[in-house]
Amino acid sequence: MTLAVEEDAPVWRDCRAVALLMAATLTIMANATISPALAGLEAMFADHPNAELLTRLLVPAPSLTVVLCAPVAGWAADRFGRRWLLLAGVALFVVAGSAGLYLPGLTEIFVSRLVLGIAVALIMTAQTALIGDYFTGAHRSALTGLQTSARNFGGFVFITLAGWLAMSSPRLPFAIYGLAAFFLPFMWTVIKEPRIEHTGTGNAEEPAGNGHPAWIPLMATLAFFQMLTNMTFFVMPTQLPFFFEARGYDSAIMTGTALGTLTLVGGCTALFYARINRALAHGGTYALGCALMALGFAVLPMNAGREIVFIGAAAIGAGFALVLPVYVAIALTLAPARRRGAAGGILTTAIFLGQFISPFISVPAISAFGYDGTFRGAAMVLGGLAMAGAVGVVVALRRT
């Protein structure tokens, strides 16, 4: 196998792309993998005075340290290089992620989850920068879509596996994080430090690497919309179980099926991102993705049977899979080659900040407006983002 492929060959035949897609599967594992084990962990550590609180914090805990550490990881990627940051992140992921297998107490496991967030920050920041360093044009566009697909399919496989393992022991799902150890030798071999000239001329693969003159304020704007999108999307995994319970459905079965539908449809849709983006460009793809998400949230409140809920979940998954790669592609275009680590850190912070604050917005909204009103509000927000993308397309067409 060669390290790189010709320009007209599929990007997935490039070993570097395969390694980066492996890294992508790890980031979705970080928070949700142990979800099926939470009830068992609470029972196992029932004598702990804060068992109920700490077990519920095990899932979002990594998000907090990602938000705090991703900007520092971005600076480190630009200052010291991307390769070592990625490898160190994967190694730390293995150690911190699997720590729940052997740590004696719930407090220690909670601390290990915070450390896991550092690993995720390192991986996601370095991965985003390396996509920009290694690939250009159609290959970069294809890889950003495949990255989303890998996250979705990886999340589906790992969470399903965790559910089976949790039936034997609530500690066993932590072993899934150890699978990343098998990725390390391959990554060590194929991931090389890209040659980047810190004079603003980019690298050998992309000579025009100066980025946009106003890339910092534009990145801040992009990060805000990324945070807003993720905050809205994260209403699904955080509030859907309670929505089903309020509707009188079997919450566990319906939530698992709906989120499984969302994840699988998103993974399949992301496989076609490159083709869709070639036809619609960034603005059109973004508008389509937000419109699909808006449609999904709009149909959720309809009292038309269970099938409509799955249709809504599928639309949200498909839309989110189209929107996420657009943010990455635009960020890599805006940032100078030598600052792609910072761009990756900013995006990573925005993603996890949106996840972290989502319950603090959705819970009061549900108390005030109910589930139906909250879902319709989410649809309106996403509809506004879709209109913004459409306006961007019109403006771009008028300039041509």
Protein backbone atom coordinates (compact mmCIF):
# COMPACT_ATOMS: atom_id res chain seq x y z
CA MET A 1 0.00 0.00 0.00
CA THR A 2 1.20 3.45 -0.83
CA LEU A 3 1.01 6.40 1.45
CA ALA A 4 -0.77 8.57 -1.10
CA VAL A 5 -2.79 8.15 -4.27
CA GLU A 6 -3.05 9.96 -7.56
CA GLU A 7 -5.35 12.96 -7.84
CA ASP A 8 -8.00 11.04 -9.81
CA ALA A 9 -8.03 8.02 -7.45
CA PRO A 10 -10.58 7.72 -4.61
CA VAL A 11 -9.32 9.37 -1.44
CA TRP A 12 -10.09 6.30 0.67
CA ARG A 13 -7.24 4.49 -1.09
CA ASP A 14 -4.80 6.90 0.57
CA CYS A 15 -3.43 5.34 3.77
CA ARG A 16 -3.28 8.74 5.43
CA ALA A 17 -7.00 9.18 4.79
CA VAL A 18 -7.70 5.76 6.29
CA ALA A 19 -5.72 6.68 9.42
CA LEU A 20 -7.61 9.96 9.80
CA LEU A 21 -10.93 8.16 9.38
CA MET A 22 -9.86 5.75 12.14
CA ALA A 23 -9.27 8.78 14.35
CA ALA A 24 -12.72 10.10 13.43
CA THR A 25 -14.42 6.98 14.80
CA LEU A 26 -12.83 7.60 18.20
CA THR A 27 -14.27 11.06 18.73
CA ILE A 28 -17.89 9.94 18.60
CA MET A 29 -17.10 7.09 21.02
CA ALA A 30 -15.85 9.39 23.72
CA ASN A 31 -19.10 10.56 25.29
CA ALA A 32 -21.78 8.08 24.35
CA THR A 33 -20.10 4.67 24.46
CA ILE A 34 -20.72 4.08 28.16
CA SER A 35 -24.35 5.26 28.07
CA PRO A 36 -25.75 1.69 28.24
CA ALA A 37 -23.70 1.06 31.40
CA LEU A 38 -24.84 4.06 33.43
CA ALA A 39 -27.62 2.31 35.34
CA GLY A 40 -25.31 -0.58 36.19
CA LEU A 41 -22.55 1.77 37.34
CA GLU A 42 -24.98 3.62 39.59
CA ALA A 43 -26.00 0.32 41.18
CA MET A 44 -22.38 -0.84 41.49
CA PHE A 45 -21.36 2.34 43.34
CA ALA A 46 -24.64 2.78 45.25
CA ASP A 47 -22.72 3.38 48.49
CA HIS A 48 -21.05 6.49 47.01
CA PRO A 49 -22.76 9.61 48.44
CA ASN A 50 -22.98 11.26 45.00
CA ALA A 51 -23.52 8.17 42.88
CA GLU A 52 -26.64 9.46 41.13
CA LEU A 53 -25.04 12.74 40.11
CA LEU A 54 -21.61 11.41 39.12
CA THR A 55 -22.95 8.58 36.97
CA ARG A 56 -25.03 11.08 35.01
CA LEU A 57 -22.00 13.33 34.57
CA LEU A 58 -19.82 10.55 33.13
CA VAL A 59 -21.23 11.07 29.63
CA PRO A 60 -20.93 14.89 29.33
CA ALA A 61 -17.72 15.16 31.41
CA PRO A 62 -15.33 14.85 28.41
CA SER A 63 -17.14 17.72 26.65
CA LEU A 64 -16.15 20.14 29.41
CA THR A 65 -12.42 19.44 29.10
CA VAL A 66 -12.63 19.45 25.30
CA VAL A 67 -14.04 22.98 25.43
CA LEU A 68 -11.25 24.10 27.77
CA CYS A 69 -8.37 22.27 26.06
CA ALA A 70 -9.14 22.43 22.34
CA PRO A 71 -7.83 26.03 21.89
CA VAL A 72 -4.58 25.05 23.63
CA ALA A 73 -4.39 21.92 21.46
CA GLY A 74 -4.80 24.10 18.38
CA TRP A 75 -1.91 26.31 19.46
CA ALA A 76 0.22 23.24 20.18
CA ALA A 77 -0.58 21.75 16.76
CA ASP A 78 0.65 24.90 15.04
CA ARG A 79 3.67 25.28 17.32
CA PHE A 80 4.92 21.71 17.71
CA GLY A 81 3.33 19.78 14.87
CA ARG A 82 0.24 17.75 14.15
CA ARG A 83 1.63 14.18 14.03
CA TRP A 84 2.75 13.92 17.64
CA LEU A 85 -0.42 15.62 18.82
CA LEU A 86 -2.57 13.02 17.05
CA LEU A 87 -0.52 10.05 18.27
CA ALA A 88 -0.40 11.38 21.84
CA GLY A 89 -4.15 11.94 21.74
CA VAL A 90 -4.86 8.37 20.62
CA ALA A 91 -2.51 6.92 23.25
CA LEU A 92 -4.13 9.02 25.99
CA PHE A 93 -7.54 7.99 24.63
CA VAL A 94 -6.66 4.32 25.19
CA VAL A 95 -5.40 4.86 28.73
CA ALA A 96 -8.06 7.28 29.98
CA GLY A 97 -10.95 5.68 28.12
CA SER A 98 -10.34 2.17 29.37
CA ALA A 99 -9.58 3.29 32.93
CA GLY A 100 -13.10 2.44 34.07
CA LEU A 101 -12.18 -1.22 33.72
CA TYR A 102 -9.85 -1.16 36.70
CA LEU A 103 -10.20 2.10 38.68
CA PRO A 104 -11.56 1.31 42.15
CA GLY A 105 -14.01 4.16 42.73
CA LEU A 106 -16.60 6.30 40.96
CA THR A 107 -14.72 9.53 41.66
CA GLU A 108 -11.59 8.15 40.00
CA ILE A 109 -13.62 7.06 36.97
CA PHE A 110 -15.12 10.55 36.72
CA VAL A 111 -11.63 12.08 36.73
CA SER A 112 -10.57 9.67 33.98
CA ARG A 113 -13.50 10.91 31.89
CA LEU A 114 -12.22 14.46 32.24
CA VAL A 115 -8.79 13.28 31.05
CA LEU A 116 -10.52 11.54 28.14
CA GLY A 117 -11.75 14.95 27.02
CA ILE A 118 -8.14 16.12 26.70
CA ALA A 119 -7.46 13.17 24.41
CA VAL A 120 -10.47 14.00 22.24
CA ALA A 121 -9.36 17.63 21.98
CA LEU A 122 -5.91 16.53 20.79
CA ILE A 123 -7.31 14.04 18.27
CA MET A 124 -9.98 16.26 16.72
CA THR A 125 -7.73 19.31 16.48
CA ALA A 126 -4.83 17.44 14.88
CA GLN A 127 -7.15 15.50 12.59
CA THR A 128 -8.80 18.63 11.19
CA ALA A 129 -5.43 20.29 10.60
CA LEU A 130 -4.02 17.20 8.87
CA ILE A 131 -6.98 16.98 6.50
CA GLY A 132 -6.13 20.50 5.38
CA ASP A 133 -2.40 19.78 5.22
CA TYR A 134 -2.62 16.53 3.26
CA PHE A 135 -5.52 17.07 0.88
CA THR A 136 -6.89 19.70 -1.47
CA GLY A 137 -9.81 20.11 -3.83
CA ALA A 138 -12.01 17.09 -4.46
CA HIS A 139 -10.00 14.86 -2.12
CA ARG A 140 -10.44 17.24 0.80
CA SER A 141 -14.16 17.59 0.09
CA ALA A 142 -14.59 13.82 -0.10
CA LEU A 143 -12.65 13.23 3.11
CA THR A 144 -14.64 15.75 5.13
CA GLY A 145 -17.78 13.85 4.16
CA LEU A 146 -16.23 10.46 4.88
CA GLN A 147 -15.11 11.77 8.27
CA THR A 148 -18.72 12.44 9.24
CA SER A 149 -19.72 9.04 7.89
CA ALA A 150 -16.98 7.32 9.92
CA ARG A 151 -18.14 9.07 13.09
CA ASN A 152 -21.72 7.96 12.52
CA PHE A 153 -20.99 4.35 11.62
CA GLY A 154 -18.35 4.08 14.33
CA GLY A 155 -20.74 5.47 16.91
CA PHE A 156 -23.47 3.04 15.88
CA VAL A 157 -21.16 0.00 16.07
CA PHE A 158 -19.45 0.96 19.33
CA ILE A 159 -22.59 1.97 21.19
CA THR A 160 -24.39 -1.19 20.06
CA LEU A 161 -21.41 -3.25 21.21
CA ALA A 162 -21.41 -1.39 24.53
CA GLY A 163 -25.04 -2.30 25.04
CA TRP A 164 -24.24 -6.00 24.68
CA LEU A 165 -21.20 -5.79 26.95
CA ALA A 166 -23.10 -3.84 29.61
CA MET A 167 -25.45 -6.80 30.05
CA SER A 168 -22.50 -8.79 31.43
CA SER A 169 -20.83 -6.05 33.47
CA PRO A 170 -21.15 -2.25 33.61
CA ARG A 171 -17.35 -2.02 33.48
CA LEU A 172 -16.95 -3.92 30.21
CA PRO A 173 -18.00 -1.05 27.87
CA PHE A 174 -14.86 0.80 28.96
CA ALA A 175 -12.86 -1.92 27.18
CA ILE A 176 -14.12 -0.59 23.84
CA TYR A 177 -11.87 2.44 24.21
CA GLY A 178 -8.91 0.07 24.23
CA LEU A 179 -9.63 -0.82 20.60
CA ALA A 180 -7.87 2.41 19.66
CA ALA A 181 -4.59 0.74 20.63
CA PHE A 182 -4.84 -1.34 17.45
CA PHE A 183 -4.96 1.88 15.39
CA LEU A 184 -1.71 3.27 16.77
CA PRO A 185 0.86 1.16 14.81
CA PHE A 186 -0.84 1.99 11.51
CA MET A 187 -1.10 5.69 12.37
CA TRP A 188 2.54 5.74 13.48
CA THR A 189 3.57 4.40 10.09
CA VAL A 190 1.48 6.48 7.71
CA ILE A 191 0.97 9.82 9.49
CA LYS A 192 3.95 12.04 8.74
CA GLU A 193 4.48 15.62 9.79
CA PRO A 194 3.51 17.84 6.84
CA ARG A 195 6.03 20.36 5.57
CA ILE A 196 4.57 23.77 6.35
CA GLU A 197 6.47 26.99 5.77
CA HIS A 198 5.71 29.45 8.53
CA THR A 199 6.10 32.38 6.16
CA GLY A 200 2.53 32.05 5.01
CA THR A 201 3.20 30.21 1.75
CA GLY A 202 1.46 27.02 2.79
CA ASN A 203 2.87 23.57 2.08
CA ALA A 204 4.06 21.55 -0.85
CA GLU A 205 0.61 20.17 -1.57
CA GLU A 206 -1.19 23.51 -1.40
CA PRO A 207 1.01 26.44 -2.45
CA ALA A 208 -1.74 28.98 -1.92
CA GLY A 209 -2.01 28.50 1.81
CA ASN A 210 -2.36 32.09 2.95
CA GLY A 211 -6.04 31.78 3.84
CA HIS A 212 -8.41 34.74 4.06
CA PRO A 213 -7.05 38.13 5.23
CA ALA A 214 -9.92 38.40 7.75
CA TRP A 215 -9.83 34.76 8.75
CA ILE A 216 -10.00 35.38 12.51
CA PRO A 217 -13.37 37.23 12.62
CA LEU A 218 -14.75 34.93 9.93
CA MET A 219 -13.68 31.88 11.95
CA ALA A 220 -15.35 33.35 15.03
CA THR A 221 -18.58 33.74 13.04
CA LEU A 222 -18.27 30.22 11.67
CA ALA A 223 -17.68 28.85 15.17
CA PHE A 224 -20.80 30.59 16.45
CA PHE A 225 -22.95 28.96 13.78
CA GLN A 226 -21.24 25.61 14.42
CA MET A 227 -22.07 25.94 18.12
CA LEU A 228 -25.66 26.91 17.35
CA THR A 229 -26.10 23.94 14.99
CA ASN A 230 -24.68 21.45 17.48
CA MET A 231 -26.65 22.94 20.35
CA THR A 232 -29.87 22.45 18.37
CA PHE A 233 -28.96 18.99 17.13
CA PHE A 234 -28.06 17.77 20.62
CA VAL A 235 -31.69 18.20 21.67
CA MET A 236 -32.18 14.78 20.06
CA PRO A 237 -29.99 12.58 22.29
CA THR A 238 -30.68 14.61 25.45
CA GLN A 239 -34.45 15.12 25.24
CA LEU A 240 -35.81 12.41 22.95
CA PRO A 241 -36.07 9.77 25.73
CA PHE A 242 -38.22 12.10 27.85
CA PHE A 243 -40.31 13.10 24.82
CA PHE A 244 -41.14 9.45 24.14
CA GLU A 245 -41.93 8.88 27.80
CA ALA A 246 -44.32 11.85 27.77
CA ARG A 247 -46.00 10.40 24.67
CA GLY A 248 -46.51 7.07 26.40
CA TYR A 249 -44.06 5.08 24.27
CA ASP A 250 -41.46 2.61 25.50
CA SER A 251 -38.71 5.16 25.98
CA ALA A 252 -35.71 2.81 25.81
CA ILE A 253 -36.79 0.97 22.65
CA MET A 254 -38.03 4.07 20.82
CA THR A 255 -34.97 6.13 21.72
CA GLY A 256 -32.58 3.41 20.62
CA THR A 257 -34.42 2.89 17.35
CA ALA A 258 -34.78 6.60 16.59
CA LEU A 259 -31.15 7.44 17.36
CA GLY A 260 -30.03 4.35 15.46
CA THR A 261 -32.05 5.56 12.47
CA LEU A 262 -30.56 9.04 12.79
CA THR A 263 -27.01 7.70 12.96
CA LEU A 264 -27.30 5.22 10.09
CA VAL A 265 -29.08 7.63 7.74
CA GLY A 266 -26.51 10.29 8.60
CA GLY A 267 -23.65 7.91 7.88
CA CYS A 268 -25.11 6.92 4.51
CA THR A 269 -25.86 10.53 3.55
CA ALA A 270 -22.32 11.64 4.37
CA LEU A 271 -21.01 9.15 1.79
CA PHE A 272 -22.63 11.32 -0.89
CA TYR A 273 -21.48 14.65 0.55
CA ALA A 274 -18.74 15.19 -2.05
CA ARG A 275 -21.15 14.70 -4.95
CA ILE A 276 -23.80 16.92 -3.40
CA ASN A 277 -21.25 19.62 -2.63
CA ARG A 278 -19.92 19.56 -6.20
CA ALA A 279 -23.44 20.20 -7.44
CA LEU A 280 -24.58 22.76 -4.85
CA ALA A 281 -21.31 24.25 -3.50
CA HIS A 282 -20.90 25.03 0.19
CA GLY A 283 -23.83 27.44 0.47
CA GLY A 284 -26.29 25.15 -1.27
CA THR A 285 -25.18 22.08 0.67
CA TYR A 286 -25.44 23.98 3.93
CA ALA A 287 -28.92 25.27 3.05
CA LEU A 288 -30.08 21.76 2.12
CA GLY A 289 -28.66 20.26 5.31
CA CYS A 290 -30.27 22.87 7.57
CA ALA A 291 -33.57 22.55 5.69
CA LEU A 292 -33.60 18.79 6.25
CA MET A 293 -32.88 19.26 9.96
CA ALA A 294 -35.64 21.88 10.18
CA LEU A 295 -38.05 19.48 8.47
CA GLY A 296 -37.13 16.74 10.93
CA PHE A 297 -37.77 18.87 13.99
CA ALA A 298 -40.99 20.21 12.46
CA VAL A 299 -42.52 16.74 12.00
CA LEU A 300 -41.55 15.40 15.44
CA PRO A 301 -44.51 17.09 17.23
CA MET A 302 -47.04 15.61 14.77
CA ASN A 303 -49.37 13.07 16.35
CA ALA A 304 -49.32 10.79 13.31
CA GLY A 305 -47.92 7.59 14.75
CA ARG A 306 -44.47 6.29 15.51
CA GLU A 307 -43.39 6.23 11.87
CA ILE A 308 -43.37 10.03 11.65
CA VAL A 309 -40.86 10.18 14.51
CA PHE A 310 -38.46 7.93 12.61
CA ILE A 311 -38.93 10.03 9.47
CA GLY A 312 -38.07 13.12 11.50
CA ALA A 313 -35.00 11.45 13.02
CA ALA A 314 -33.85 10.33 9.56
CA ALA A 315 -34.21 13.87 8.18
CA ILE A 316 -32.26 15.34 11.10
CA GLY A 317 -29.50 12.76 10.70
CA ALA A 318 -29.22 13.37 6.96
CA GLY A 319 -29.18 17.14 7.36
CA PHE A 320 -26.59 17.11 10.13
CA ALA A 321 -24.36 14.86 8.01
CA LEU A 322 -24.40 17.47 5.23
CA VAL A 323 -23.87 20.49 7.47
CA LEU A 324 -20.90 19.26 9.53
CA PRO A 325 -18.45 18.79 6.61
CA VAL A 326 -19.29 22.26 5.31
CA TYR A 327 -18.01 23.84 8.52
CA VAL A 328 -14.73 21.91 8.27
CA ALA A 329 -14.27 22.70 4.57
CA ILE A 330 -14.89 26.44 5.05
CA ALA A 331 -12.62 26.58 8.12
CA LEU A 332 -9.74 24.97 6.20
CA THR A 333 -10.24 27.45 3.37
CA LEU A 334 -10.31 30.48 5.67
CA ALA A 335 -7.32 29.66 7.89
CA PRO A 336 -3.72 30.03 6.70
CA ALA A 337 -1.87 26.72 6.37
CA ARG A 338 0.29 27.48 9.39
CA ARG A 339 -2.82 28.18 11.53
CA ARG A 340 -4.93 25.14 10.66
CA GLY A 341 -4.32 23.76 14.13
CA ALA A 342 -5.94 26.86 15.61
CA ALA A 343 -8.85 26.49 13.18
CA GLY A 344 -9.30 22.86 14.24
CA GLY A 345 -9.21 23.88 17.90
CA ILE A 346 -11.82 26.58 17.37
CA LEU A 347 -14.20 24.23 15.57
CA THR A 348 -13.71 21.51 18.17
CA THR A 349 -14.46 23.95 20.97
CA ALA A 350 -17.60 25.14 19.17
CA ILE A 351 -18.86 21.56 18.64
CA PHE A 352 -18.52 20.50 22.26
CA LEU A 353 -19.61 23.85 23.68
CA GLY A 354 -22.84 23.46 21.73
CA GLN A 355 -23.29 19.97 23.15
CA PHE A 356 -22.54 21.13 26.69
CA ILE A 357 -24.93 24.08 26.79
CA SER A 358 -27.75 22.37 24.85
CA PRO A 359 -29.51 20.94 27.95
CA PHE A 360 -29.28 24.32 29.70
CA ILE A 361 -31.28 25.82 26.82
CA SER A 362 -33.64 22.97 25.98
CA VAL A 363 -34.76 22.10 29.52
CA PRO A 364 -36.09 25.63 30.34
CA ALA A 365 -37.62 25.80 26.83
CA ILE A 366 -39.47 22.52 27.40
CA SER A 367 -40.70 23.75 30.79
CA ALA A 368 -42.01 26.94 29.19
CA PHE A 369 -43.29 25.72 25.80
CA GLY A 370 -43.47 21.94 26.05
CA TYR A 371 -41.80 19.46 23.74
CA ASP A 372 -43.88 20.46 20.73
CA GLY A 373 -43.07 24.14 21.11
CA THR A 374 -39.38 23.45 21.68
CA PHE A 375 -39.13 21.24 18.59
CA ARG A 376 -40.91 23.86 16.51
CA GLY A 377 -38.52 26.49 17.86
CA ALA A 378 -35.58 24.33 16.84
CA ALA A 379 -37.12 23.99 13.38
CA MET A 380 -37.39 27.79 13.13
CA VAL A 381 -33.74 28.28 14.12
CA LEU A 382 -32.58 25.74 11.55
CA GLY A 383 -34.93 27.20 8.94
CA GLY A 384 -33.27 30.56 9.50
CA LEU A 385 -29.84 29.00 8.99
CA ALA A 386 -31.12 27.35 5.79
CA MET A 387 -32.30 30.73 4.51
CA ALA A 388 -28.91 32.26 5.35
CA GLY A 389 -27.22 29.56 3.28
CA ALA A 390 -29.63 30.13 0.40
CA VAL A 391 -28.98 33.88 0.50
CA GLY A 392 -25.27 33.14 0.34
CA VAL A 393 -25.83 31.09 -2.81
CA VAL A 394 -27.82 33.90 -4.44
CA VAL A 395 -25.13 36.47 -3.60
CA ALA A 396 -22.41 34.21 -4.98
CA LEU A 397 -24.33 33.65 -8.22
CA ARG A 398 -24.84 37.38 -8.72
CA ARG A 399 -21.11 37.98 -8.40
CA THR A 400 -20.35 35.45 -11.16
